[in-house]
């Protein structure tokens, strides 16, 4: 085993358990420093200066279990020895949801892939949890079927991972969150017990949705699917945010619910234009992509709705059908602006839809005050809420500037909070916002669930329920505000 700061009888028990797991899984378990270091980060390029003094992100062992029974055996050994376990599959977030905070074991679940059963008559599919949405989409599309909804990171995001996050994305406006589509799941609890869960089981299925891998390891899910119906796509443009927002609200609440509603603000469109990836002839203004799926009569009604709205608008116009189709084809490439800079920072806000216009107005004021280019895009994920991403360019190789830039993420979240929003997802880095995300009663309920199912606190510890000392909301707020003050004096930054 690698050199670790362990001593005494308890540590010897941990080492013995790790050796047993390594022997059991053979070449599917490794403690190689070269390989373990790959699991010490996710998509967030956070400088080591911010991470290493606070957390032990380097795992002691990485294991790739072959099935639920092997997951169970690993968790039993880890639980008996008091070893933390962090589940990981796509690792397509930036909040350290799948990065260890206290070392221990990383369970790389990527061998748990594939379709177990397809029921075309009842429109359900049972899949292993690490199957990506891209893989499932391809499997279903070749059979004339499709998922009800998918995350915007579908090519790499796993089905189990999205379930244990909030589960809203493309298609959820029409079909609801992933939780509403899952009919049953197989979960390995922290003590190693394998359970089949349904909405009526004890514990119920909904405990594990948005639990971020802290209550159990999801190994397979049975989810509802749909026929792969025809689609129709529209791309609208206006220099007036208010008119685009008005169209969005009417379309959202019309008789035919869109499959997807995606909006892009003026700063984002300008940045796209500078990169040569904006629709032809568009150099600014706001965009609204409206995508429908359904039977021909639904599509005809949808077309009538959209055309009537554009006809009475002073500034909203249609872009070409080719541009609308290209926008749909690019739906999984939301971060394409990143090609203009080494990295991006931003805040992902779960925002009331009716707050979109005042939120963007305040973001514009924030950008002006801090001499910062802020680009915003997002999609309506439910009748009441939108997932809104406001971002700016950063360079993680310039550590001091990057750390100061992180303070501006808090400023973005502060704007969202003023308008009824809060961070989309918690993980580790958003724990300072727990008081904004959950009511006190709700947080107490979540902590009680954790205590019941994982009394030792070994499964994905340090996430979701409590903030680490140095991420205490008071310390965090004061520190970030001071850094933002420094940043406002130095200036710089743009969406170029």
Protein backbone atom coordinates (compact mmCIF):
# COMPACT_ATOMS: atom_id res chain seq x y z
CA UNK A 1 0.00 0.00 0.00
CA UNK A 2 1.16 3.61 -0.56
CA UNK A 3 2.68 5.51 2.31
CA UNK A 4 -0.27 6.82 4.36
CA UNK A 5 -0.40 8.63 7.73
CA UNK A 6 -1.83 5.60 9.54
CA UNK A 7 -0.76 4.12 12.87
CA UNK A 8 -2.15 1.84 15.56
CA UNK A 9 -4.58 -1.04 15.67
CA UNK A 10 -7.43 0.71 13.83
CA UNK A 11 -5.12 1.63 11.01
CA UNK A 12 -3.87 -1.93 10.74
CA UNK A 13 -7.49 -3.06 10.42
CA UNK A 14 -7.97 -0.57 7.58
CA UNK A 15 -4.85 -1.78 5.83
CA UNK A 16 -5.98 -5.40 6.21
CA UNK A 17 -9.41 -4.56 4.75
CA UNK A 18 -7.84 -2.74 1.81
CA UNK A 19 -5.57 -5.70 1.16
CA UNK A 20 -8.57 -8.05 1.21
CA UNK A 21 -10.43 -5.87 -1.29
CA UNK A 22 -7.36 -5.67 -3.48
CA UNK A 23 -7.00 -9.45 -3.44
CA UNK A 24 -10.71 -9.98 -4.12
CA UNK A 25 -10.83 -7.65 -7.13
CA UNK A 26 -7.32 -8.45 -8.43
CA UNK A 27 -6.43 -6.29 -11.44
CA UNK A 28 -9.62 -4.25 -10.95
CA UNK A 29 -8.19 -2.70 -7.79
CA UNK A 30 -5.19 -0.39 -7.67
CA UNK A 31 -3.27 1.69 -5.16
CA UNK A 32 -0.85 2.97 -7.79
CA UNK A 33 -0.18 6.65 -7.16
CA UNK A 34 -0.20 7.26 -10.91
CA UNK A 35 -3.72 5.88 -11.23
CA UNK A 36 -5.13 7.12 -7.92
CA UNK A 37 -4.23 10.71 -8.73
CA UNK A 38 -6.64 10.59 -11.67
CA UNK A 39 -9.48 10.21 -9.17
CA UNK A 40 -8.47 13.15 -6.99
CA UNK A 41 -10.27 15.71 -9.17
CA UNK A 42 -13.42 16.10 -11.29
CA UNK A 43 -14.13 18.56 -14.10
CA UNK A 44 -13.29 21.55 -11.88
CA UNK A 45 -9.68 22.72 -12.37
CA UNK A 46 -9.37 23.88 -8.75
CA UNK A 47 -5.76 24.79 -7.80
CA UNK A 48 -4.08 22.41 -5.34
CA UNK A 49 -3.46 25.38 -3.05
CA UNK A 50 -7.19 25.46 -2.29
CA UNK A 51 -7.66 21.71 -2.02
CA UNK A 52 -4.69 20.00 -0.41
CA UNK A 53 -4.65 21.92 2.91
CA UNK A 54 -8.36 21.19 3.46
CA UNK A 55 -9.09 17.70 2.14
CA UNK A 56 -7.48 14.35 1.41
CA UNK A 57 -8.66 13.86 -2.15
CA UNK A 58 -6.13 11.17 -3.00
CA UNK A 59 -7.81 7.76 -2.58
CA UNK A 60 -5.98 4.92 -0.86
CA UNK A 61 -7.50 2.42 -3.26
CA UNK A 62 -9.49 2.59 -6.50
CA UNK A 63 -11.74 -0.38 -7.16
CA UNK A 64 -13.83 -1.25 -10.21
CA UNK A 65 -16.52 -3.66 -8.98
CA UNK A 66 -18.08 -5.99 -11.53
CA UNK A 67 -21.59 -6.23 -10.06
CA UNK A 68 -23.81 -5.38 -7.12
CA UNK A 69 -22.59 -8.38 -5.14
CA UNK A 70 -19.01 -7.17 -5.38
CA UNK A 71 -20.11 -3.64 -4.38
CA UNK A 72 -21.79 -5.23 -1.37
CA UNK A 73 -18.68 -7.16 -0.37
CA UNK A 74 -16.51 -4.05 -0.64
CA UNK A 75 -18.89 -1.94 1.45
CA UNK A 76 -19.09 -4.63 4.15
CA UNK A 77 -15.31 -4.72 4.51
CA UNK A 78 -15.04 -0.92 4.39
CA UNK A 79 -17.79 -0.45 6.96
CA UNK A 80 -16.27 -2.93 9.40
CA UNK A 81 -12.87 -1.20 9.16
CA UNK A 82 -14.19 2.38 9.13
CA UNK A 83 -12.92 3.23 5.64
CA UNK A 84 -14.62 6.06 3.71
CA UNK A 85 -16.03 5.10 0.30
CA UNK A 86 -16.69 7.53 -2.56
CA UNK A 87 -18.76 6.35 -5.55
CA UNK A 88 -17.78 7.61 -9.00
CA UNK A 89 -18.85 7.02 -12.59
CA UNK A 90 -18.98 9.85 -15.14
CA UNK A 91 -17.65 12.46 -12.68
CA UNK A 92 -19.20 15.12 -14.93
CA UNK A 93 -19.79 17.74 -12.22
CA UNK A 94 -17.55 20.46 -10.79
CA UNK A 95 -18.54 20.33 -7.12
CA UNK A 96 -16.30 17.42 -6.03
CA UNK A 97 -19.43 15.23 -5.66
CA UNK A 98 -17.32 12.21 -6.66
CA UNK A 99 -13.96 13.26 -5.22
CA UNK A 100 -12.85 11.90 -1.82
CA UNK A 101 -12.72 14.39 1.03
CA UNK A 102 -11.12 11.92 3.47
CA UNK A 103 -9.21 9.50 1.28
CA UNK A 104 -10.29 5.87 1.52
CA UNK A 105 -11.79 3.92 -1.38
CA UNK A 106 -13.08 5.24 -4.68
CA UNK A 107 -15.62 2.89 -6.22
CA UNK A 108 -15.26 3.33 -9.98
CA UNK A 109 -18.63 2.00 -11.12
CA UNK A 110 -18.01 2.12 -14.85
CA UNK A 111 -18.16 -1.64 -15.28
CA UNK A 112 -21.83 -1.53 -14.26
CA UNK A 113 -23.00 -0.69 -17.79
CA UNK A 114 -25.54 -1.99 -20.23
CA UNK A 115 -29.23 -2.61 -20.73
CA UNK A 116 -30.63 -5.40 -18.56
CA UNK A 117 -34.17 -5.53 -19.94
CA UNK A 118 -36.30 -3.63 -22.44
CA UNK A 119 -40.09 -3.78 -22.15
CA UNK A 120 -41.37 -2.18 -25.35
CA UNK A 121 -45.02 -2.91 -24.56
CA UNK A 122 -44.97 -1.07 -21.22
CA UNK A 123 -42.29 1.42 -22.32
CA UNK A 124 -39.72 0.75 -19.61
CA UNK A 125 -36.04 -0.11 -19.65
CA UNK A 126 -33.88 -1.53 -16.88
CA UNK A 127 -30.26 -0.44 -17.04
CA UNK A 128 -27.10 -0.73 -15.00
CA UNK A 129 -26.36 2.51 -13.24
CA UNK A 130 -23.11 3.55 -14.94
CA UNK A 131 -24.62 3.33 -18.41
CA UNK A 132 -24.33 6.77 -19.95
CA UNK A 133 -27.33 8.62 -21.30
CA UNK A 134 -25.58 8.75 -24.65
CA UNK A 135 -25.35 4.95 -24.70
CA UNK A 136 -28.98 4.51 -23.66
CA UNK A 137 -30.16 7.09 -26.16
CA UNK A 138 -28.36 5.28 -29.00
CA UNK A 139 -29.71 1.89 -27.88
CA UNK A 140 -33.29 3.17 -27.73
CA UNK A 141 -33.17 5.30 -30.89
CA UNK A 142 -32.19 2.28 -33.01
CA UNK A 143 -35.43 0.67 -31.79
CA UNK A 144 -37.69 3.66 -32.39
CA UNK A 145 -37.63 4.66 -28.72
CA UNK A 146 -36.08 7.42 -26.62
CA UNK A 147 -35.53 8.48 -23.00
CA UNK A 148 -38.15 10.83 -21.58
CA UNK A 149 -35.44 13.32 -20.63
CA UNK A 150 -31.66 13.57 -20.55
CA UNK A 151 -29.05 15.78 -18.86
CA UNK A 152 -27.24 18.41 -20.91
CA UNK A 153 -24.08 16.35 -20.31
CA UNK A 154 -25.76 13.21 -21.69
CA UNK A 155 -22.82 11.83 -23.71
CA UNK A 156 -20.79 11.29 -20.53
CA UNK A 157 -23.24 11.53 -17.62
CA UNK A 158 -24.33 8.21 -16.12
CA UNK A 159 -27.95 7.29 -15.47
CA UNK A 160 -27.35 6.49 -11.81
CA UNK A 161 -25.29 9.63 -11.33
CA UNK A 162 -28.01 11.89 -12.72
CA UNK A 163 -30.60 10.17 -10.53
CA UNK A 164 -28.57 10.90 -7.42
CA UNK A 165 -28.29 14.53 -8.51
CA UNK A 166 -31.41 16.65 -9.03
CA UNK A 167 -32.28 14.94 -12.32
CA UNK A 168 -33.61 17.90 -14.32
CA UNK A 169 -32.51 18.56 -17.87
CA UNK A 170 -33.56 18.42 -21.51
CA UNK A 171 -37.09 17.07 -21.66
CA UNK A 172 -37.92 17.48 -17.99
CA UNK A 173 -40.14 20.49 -18.73
CA UNK A 174 -42.52 18.08 -20.46
CA UNK A 175 -41.86 14.81 -18.62
CA UNK A 176 -40.72 15.80 -15.15
CA UNK A 177 -37.57 15.01 -13.19
CA UNK A 178 -35.83 11.66 -13.46
CA UNK A 179 -37.26 10.70 -10.07
CA UNK A 180 -40.77 10.83 -11.54
CA UNK A 181 -39.65 8.43 -14.31
CA UNK A 182 -37.83 5.83 -12.17
CA UNK A 183 -40.10 2.96 -11.18
CA UNK A 184 -37.62 0.86 -9.21
CA UNK A 185 -33.94 0.69 -8.35
CA UNK A 186 -31.38 -1.67 -6.91
CA UNK A 187 -29.24 0.01 -4.26
CA UNK A 188 -26.41 -1.24 -2.05
CA UNK A 189 -26.69 0.41 1.36
CA UNK A 190 -23.61 1.60 3.30
CA UNK A 191 -23.51 -1.59 5.38
CA UNK A 192 -23.45 -3.71 2.22
CA UNK A 193 -27.09 -4.80 2.17
CA UNK A 194 -28.58 -5.00 -1.34
CA UNK A 195 -32.08 -3.57 -1.50
CA UNK A 196 -34.72 -3.30 -4.19
CA UNK A 197 -36.40 0.08 -3.88
CA UNK A 198 -39.75 1.40 -5.09
CA UNK A 199 -41.71 4.55 -4.20
CA UNK A 200 -43.44 2.51 -1.46
CA UNK A 201 -40.42 0.65 -0.02
CA UNK A 202 -38.66 1.40 3.26
CA UNK A 203 -36.52 3.38 2.73
CA UNK A 204 -38.42 4.77 -0.26
CA UNK A 205 -36.92 5.40 -3.65
CA UNK A 206 -37.17 9.18 -3.35
CA UNK A 207 -34.65 9.26 -0.47
CA UNK A 208 -31.91 8.42 -2.95
CA UNK A 209 -32.80 10.98 -5.61
CA UNK A 210 -30.51 14.03 -5.20
CA UNK A 211 -28.69 12.25 -2.35
CA UNK A 212 -25.42 12.65 -4.30
CA UNK A 213 -24.15 9.17 -3.48
CA UNK A 214 -24.28 9.64 0.30
CA UNK A 215 -26.98 7.08 1.21
CA UNK A 216 -26.21 4.10 -1.01
CA UNK A 217 -24.69 2.90 -4.27
CA UNK A 218 -27.29 2.74 -7.04
CA UNK A 219 -26.47 -0.27 -9.24
CA UNK A 220 -29.47 -0.49 -11.58
CA UNK A 221 -32.66 1.41 -12.39
CA UNK A 222 -35.95 0.71 -14.13
CA UNK A 223 -37.11 3.84 -15.92
CA UNK A 224 -39.98 4.91 -18.15
CA UNK A 225 -39.22 5.68 -21.80
CA UNK A 226 -41.20 6.98 -24.82
CA UNK A 227 -41.70 6.47 -28.51
CA UNK A 228 -39.18 8.40 -30.60
CA UNK A 229 -41.75 10.83 -31.95
CA UNK A 230 -41.13 13.42 -34.67
CA UNK A 231 -39.75 16.77 -33.53
CA UNK A 232 -40.02 20.38 -34.63
CA UNK A 233 -37.46 23.06 -33.81
CA UNK A 234 -37.66 26.85 -33.70
CA UNK A 235 -34.98 29.42 -33.02
CA UNK A 236 -36.14 32.95 -32.18
CA UNK A 237 -34.08 36.11 -31.96
CA UNK A 238 -34.75 39.52 -30.44
CA UNK A 239 -32.67 42.47 -29.25
CA UNK A 240 -35.22 42.83 -26.46
CA UNK A 241 -34.82 40.45 -23.51
CA UNK A 242 -38.25 41.33 -22.17
CA UNK A 243 -40.01 40.26 -25.36
CA UNK A 244 -38.06 37.01 -25.57
CA UNK A 245 -38.92 36.31 -21.93
CA UNK A 246 -42.60 37.03 -22.62
CA UNK A 247 -42.62 34.55 -25.48
CA UNK A 248 -40.86 32.00 -23.25
CA UNK A 249 -43.51 32.34 -20.54
CA UNK A 250 -46.45 32.02 -22.93
CA UNK A 251 -44.93 29.04 -24.76
CA UNK A 252 -44.09 27.32 -21.48
CA UNK A 253 -47.67 27.52 -20.26
CA UNK A 254 -49.42 26.90 -23.58
CA UNK A 255 -51.58 23.89 -24.36
CA UNK A 256 -48.68 22.01 -25.97
CA UNK A 257 -45.75 21.80 -23.58
CA UNK A 258 -42.36 22.15 -25.27
CA UNK A 259 -39.86 19.36 -24.91
CA UNK A 260 -37.09 21.90 -24.40
CA UNK A 261 -36.76 25.68 -23.95
CA UNK A 262 -33.23 27.08 -24.11
CA UNK A 263 -32.32 30.77 -23.84
CA UNK A 264 -29.10 32.71 -24.42
CA UNK A 265 -28.48 36.29 -23.31
CA UNK A 266 -26.93 39.13 -25.33
CA UNK A 267 -23.44 38.81 -23.79
CA UNK A 268 -23.37 35.10 -24.61
CA UNK A 269 -24.53 35.68 -28.19
CA UNK A 270 -21.86 38.35 -28.65
CA UNK A 271 -19.22 35.93 -27.37
CA UNK A 272 -20.49 33.27 -29.77
CA UNK A 273 -20.30 35.78 -32.61
CA UNK A 274 -16.68 36.64 -31.77
CA UNK A 275 -15.84 32.94 -31.92
CA UNK A 276 -17.69 32.44 -35.20
CA UNK A 277 -20.23 30.01 -33.73
CA UNK A 278 -23.31 32.25 -33.59
CA UNK A 279 -26.11 31.71 -36.15
CA UNK A 280 -25.48 33.44 -39.47
CA UNK A 281 -26.21 37.15 -39.36
CA UNK A 282 -26.57 37.26 -35.58
CA UNK A 283 -24.03 39.35 -33.66
CA UNK A 284 -26.01 40.18 -30.53
CA UNK A 285 -29.43 40.11 -28.94
CA UNK A 286 -31.08 37.15 -27.24
CA UNK A 287 -31.90 33.69 -28.55
CA UNK A 288 -34.72 31.34 -27.60
CA UNK A 289 -34.68 27.75 -28.86
CA UNK A 290 -38.03 25.96 -28.68
CA UNK A 291 -38.12 22.23 -29.34
CA UNK A 292 -41.27 20.11 -29.52
CA UNK A 293 -41.78 16.38 -29.82
CA UNK A 294 -45.05 14.53 -30.25
CA UNK A 295 -47.69 13.40 -32.68
CA UNK A 296 -48.37 15.45 -35.84
CA UNK A 297 -51.43 17.15 -34.35
CA UNK A 298 -49.36 18.28 -31.34
CA UNK A 299 -46.66 19.68 -33.59
CA UNK A 300 -49.23 21.50 -35.70
CA UNK A 301 -50.75 23.13 -32.61
CA UNK A 302 -47.28 24.05 -31.36
CA UNK A 303 -46.41 25.68 -34.68
CA UNK A 304 -49.58 27.74 -34.57
CA UNK A 305 -48.75 28.92 -31.06
CA UNK A 306 -45.21 29.98 -31.89
CA UNK A 307 -46.12 31.65 -35.17
CA UNK A 308 -48.94 33.64 -33.57
CA UNK A 309 -46.61 34.91 -30.84
CA UNK A 310 -43.97 36.02 -33.33
CA UNK A 311 -46.60 37.65 -35.54
CA UNK A 312 -47.75 40.04 -32.78
CA UNK A 313 -44.27 40.76 -31.43
CA UNK A 314 -42.47 43.97 -32.38
CA UNK A 315 -38.93 42.60 -32.24
CA UNK A 316 -39.00 38.78 -32.11
CA UNK A 317 -38.22 37.00 -35.38
CA UNK A 318 -37.59 33.49 -36.63
CA UNK A 319 -34.12 32.38 -37.61
CA UNK A 320 -33.83 29.78 -40.35
CA UNK A 321 -34.99 26.18 -39.83
CA UNK A 322 -31.39 25.12 -40.50
CA UNK A 323 -30.18 27.33 -37.63
CA UNK A 324 -32.87 25.90 -35.36
CA UNK A 325 -31.87 22.34 -36.21
CA UNK A 326 -28.19 23.14 -35.69
CA UNK A 327 -28.99 24.60 -32.27
CA UNK A 328 -30.75 21.34 -31.36
CA UNK A 329 -27.86 19.25 -32.65
CA UNK A 330 -25.51 21.30 -30.44
CA UNK A 331 -27.63 20.77 -27.30
CA UNK A 332 -24.90 18.80 -25.50
CA UNK A 333 -22.23 21.43 -26.18
CA UNK A 334 -23.25 24.18 -23.78
CA UNK A 335 -19.64 24.76 -22.76
CA UNK A 336 -18.45 25.39 -26.32
CA UNK A 337 -17.49 28.96 -25.33
CA UNK A 338 -14.68 27.41 -23.29
CA UNK A 339 -12.61 27.12 -26.47
CA UNK A 340 -11.79 30.85 -26.09
CA UNK A 341 -10.04 30.50 -22.75
CA UNK A 342 -8.10 28.06 -20.59
CA UNK A 343 -11.12 27.55 -18.35
CA UNK A 344 -14.45 28.92 -17.21
CA UNK A 345 -15.91 29.74 -13.83
CA UNK A 346 -19.53 30.39 -13.08
CA UNK A 347 -22.59 29.80 -11.00
CA UNK A 348 -25.32 27.32 -11.90
CA UNK A 349 -28.55 28.61 -10.38
CA UNK A 350 -31.90 26.87 -9.89
CA UNK A 351 -33.96 29.99 -10.58
CA UNK A 352 -37.69 30.74 -10.62
CA UNK A 353 -38.64 31.27 -14.28
CA UNK A 354 -40.46 34.51 -13.52
CA UNK A 355 -37.22 35.90 -12.04
CA UNK A 356 -35.22 35.47 -15.23
CA UNK A 357 -35.48 39.07 -16.48
CA UNK A 358 -34.64 40.79 -13.14
CA UNK A 359 -31.86 38.24 -12.54
CA UNK A 360 -30.24 39.04 -15.88
CA UNK A 361 -30.61 42.77 -15.24
CA UNK A 362 -28.75 42.42 -11.96
CA UNK A 363 -26.11 40.21 -13.59
CA UNK A 364 -25.54 42.97 -16.15
CA UNK A 365 -25.08 45.50 -13.34
CA UNK A 366 -22.69 43.14 -11.54
CA UNK A 367 -20.62 42.73 -14.71
CA UNK A 368 -20.41 46.49 -15.14
CA UNK A 369 -19.47 47.10 -11.51
CA UNK A 370 -16.75 44.45 -11.45
CA UNK A 371 -15.45 45.14 -14.98
CA UNK A 372 -16.22 41.54 -15.88
CA UNK A 373 -17.72 39.87 -18.92
CA UNK A 374 -20.55 37.61 -17.76
CA UNK A 375 -22.37 35.30 -20.21
CA UNK A 376 -25.64 33.61 -19.30
CA UNK A 377 -27.57 30.76 -20.86
CA UNK A 378 -29.92 28.11 -19.54
CA UNK A 379 -33.02 26.06 -20.07
CA UNK A 380 -36.43 25.85 -18.50
CA UNK A 381 -36.40 22.57 -16.58
CA UNK A 382 -39.84 22.62 -14.98
CA UNK A 383 -42.95 24.80 -15.16
CA UNK A 384 -41.57 26.83 -12.25
CA UNK A 385 -37.77 26.66 -12.49
CA UNK A 386 -34.93 27.17 -14.93
CA UNK A 387 -31.32 25.99 -14.72
CA UNK A 388 -29.32 29.15 -15.38
CA UNK A 389 -25.56 29.22 -15.93
CA UNK A 390 -23.72 32.54 -15.64
CA UNK A 391 -20.02 32.22 -16.43
CA UNK A 392 -16.79 34.05 -17.15
CA UNK A 393 -13.34 33.05 -18.36
CA UNK A 394 -10.56 32.14 -15.94
CA UNK A 395 -7.07 30.69 -16.08
CA UNK A 396 -6.23 28.06 -13.43
CA UNK A 397 -2.53 28.38 -14.26
CA UNK A 398 -2.60 31.86 -12.71
CA UNK A 399 -3.40 30.65 -9.23
CA UNK A 400 -3.89 33.99 -7.45
CA UNK A 401 -6.14 35.38 -10.19
CA UNK A 402 -8.10 32.13 -10.28
CA UNK A 403 -8.71 32.16 -6.52
CA UNK A 404 -9.92 35.75 -6.71
CA UNK A 405 -12.12 34.71 -9.61
CA UNK A 406 -13.75 32.06 -7.42
CA UNK A 407 -15.06 34.85 -5.21
CA UNK A 408 -17.11 36.12 -8.12
CA UNK A 409 -18.96 32.81 -8.26
CA UNK A 410 -20.39 33.74 -4.87
CA UNK A 411 -21.45 37.12 -6.25
CA UNK A 412 -23.37 35.32 -9.00
CA UNK A 413 -25.05 33.08 -6.44
CA UNK A 414 -25.88 36.14 -4.34
CA UNK A 415 -27.74 37.61 -7.30
CA UNK A 416 -29.58 34.33 -7.78
CA UNK A 417 -30.51 34.21 -4.10
CA UNK A 418 -32.00 37.71 -4.22
CA UNK A 419 -34.34 36.45 -6.92
CA UNK A 420 -35.37 33.20 -5.23
CA UNK A 421 -32.66 30.97 -6.67
CA UNK A 422 -30.01 28.73 -5.18
CA UNK A 423 -27.17 26.52 -6.44
CA UNK A 424 -28.09 23.54 -8.58
CA UNK A 425 -26.32 20.72 -6.74
CA UNK A 426 -24.29 20.72 -3.52
CA UNK A 427 -21.35 18.32 -3.44
CA UNK A 428 -18.50 19.82 -1.43
CA UNK A 429 -17.98 23.31 -2.82
CA UNK A 430 -21.60 24.42 -2.44
CA UNK A 431 -21.95 23.37 1.21
CA UNK A 432 -21.60 27.02 2.35
CA UNK A 433 -24.99 27.60 0.68
CA UNK A 434 -26.85 24.84 2.55
CA UNK A 435 -28.93 27.44 4.38
CA UNK A 436 -30.10 28.80 1.04
CA UNK A 437 -30.74 25.44 -0.60
CA UNK A 438 -32.66 23.81 2.25
CA UNK A 439 -34.94 25.00 5.00
CA UNK A 440 -33.79 24.10 8.50
CA UNK A 441 -36.50 21.47 8.75
CA UNK A 442 -35.58 19.92 5.42
CA UNK A 443 -31.88 19.80 6.28
CA UNK A 444 -32.65 18.14 9.62
CA UNK A 445 -34.72 15.54 7.77
CA UNK A 446 -31.87 14.82 5.34
CA UNK A 447 -29.40 14.49 8.20
CA UNK A 448 -31.73 12.06 9.97
CA UNK A 449 -31.83 9.89 6.84
CA UNK A 450 -28.04 9.91 6.71
CA UNK A 451 -27.81 8.94 10.38
CA UNK A 452 -30.24 6.07 9.89
CA UNK A 453 -28.63 4.56 6.79
CA UNK A 454 -24.99 5.52 7.34
CA UNK A 455 -24.44 6.07 11.08
CA UNK A 456 -20.67 5.84 10.67
CA UNK A 457 -20.73 8.57 8.00
CA UNK A 458 -18.48 6.59 5.65
CA UNK A 459 -20.30 6.84 2.33
CA UNK A 460 -19.17 9.89 0.36
CA UNK A 461 -18.36 11.81 3.54
CA UNK A 462 -18.00 15.59 3.67
CA UNK A 463 -20.75 16.20 1.11
CA UNK A 464 -24.29 17.56 1.14
CA UNK A 465 -25.16 17.64 4.86
CA UNK A 466 -22.61 19.86 6.60
CA UNK A 467 -19.92 22.32 5.64
CA UNK A 468 -16.24 21.79 6.57
CA UNK A 469 -14.87 24.25 9.12
CA UNK A 470 -13.15 26.52 6.62
CA UNK A 471 -16.26 26.51 4.40
CA UNK A 472 -18.41 27.70 7.29
CA UNK A 473 -20.92 30.12 5.71
CA UNK A 474 -19.72 33.07 7.81
CA UNK A 475 -16.01 32.50 7.08
CA UNK A 476 -16.82 31.76 3.45
CA UNK A 477 -18.93 34.90 2.96
CA UNK A 478 -16.39 37.23 4.55
CA UNK A 479 -13.47 35.68 2.68
CA UNK A 480 -15.19 35.67 -0.71
CA UNK A 481 -16.44 39.25 -0.30
CA UNK A 482 -12.93 40.44 0.56
CA UNK A 483 -11.50 38.70 -2.50
CA UNK A 484 -14.25 40.14 -4.67
CA UNK A 485 -13.36 43.59 -3.37
CA UNK A 486 -9.76 43.06 -4.45
CA UNK A 487 -10.98 41.83 -7.82
CA UNK A 488 -13.16 44.92 -8.34
CA UNK A 489 -10.08 47.10 -7.88
CA UNK A 490 -7.90 45.12 -10.29
CA UNK A 491 -10.55 44.66 -13.02
CA UNK A 492 -10.25 42.38 -16.05
CA UNK A 493 -12.02 39.35 -17.43
CA UNK A 494 -14.36 38.88 -20.35
CA UNK A 495 -16.45 36.44 -22.34
CA UNK A 496 -14.33 36.70 -25.44
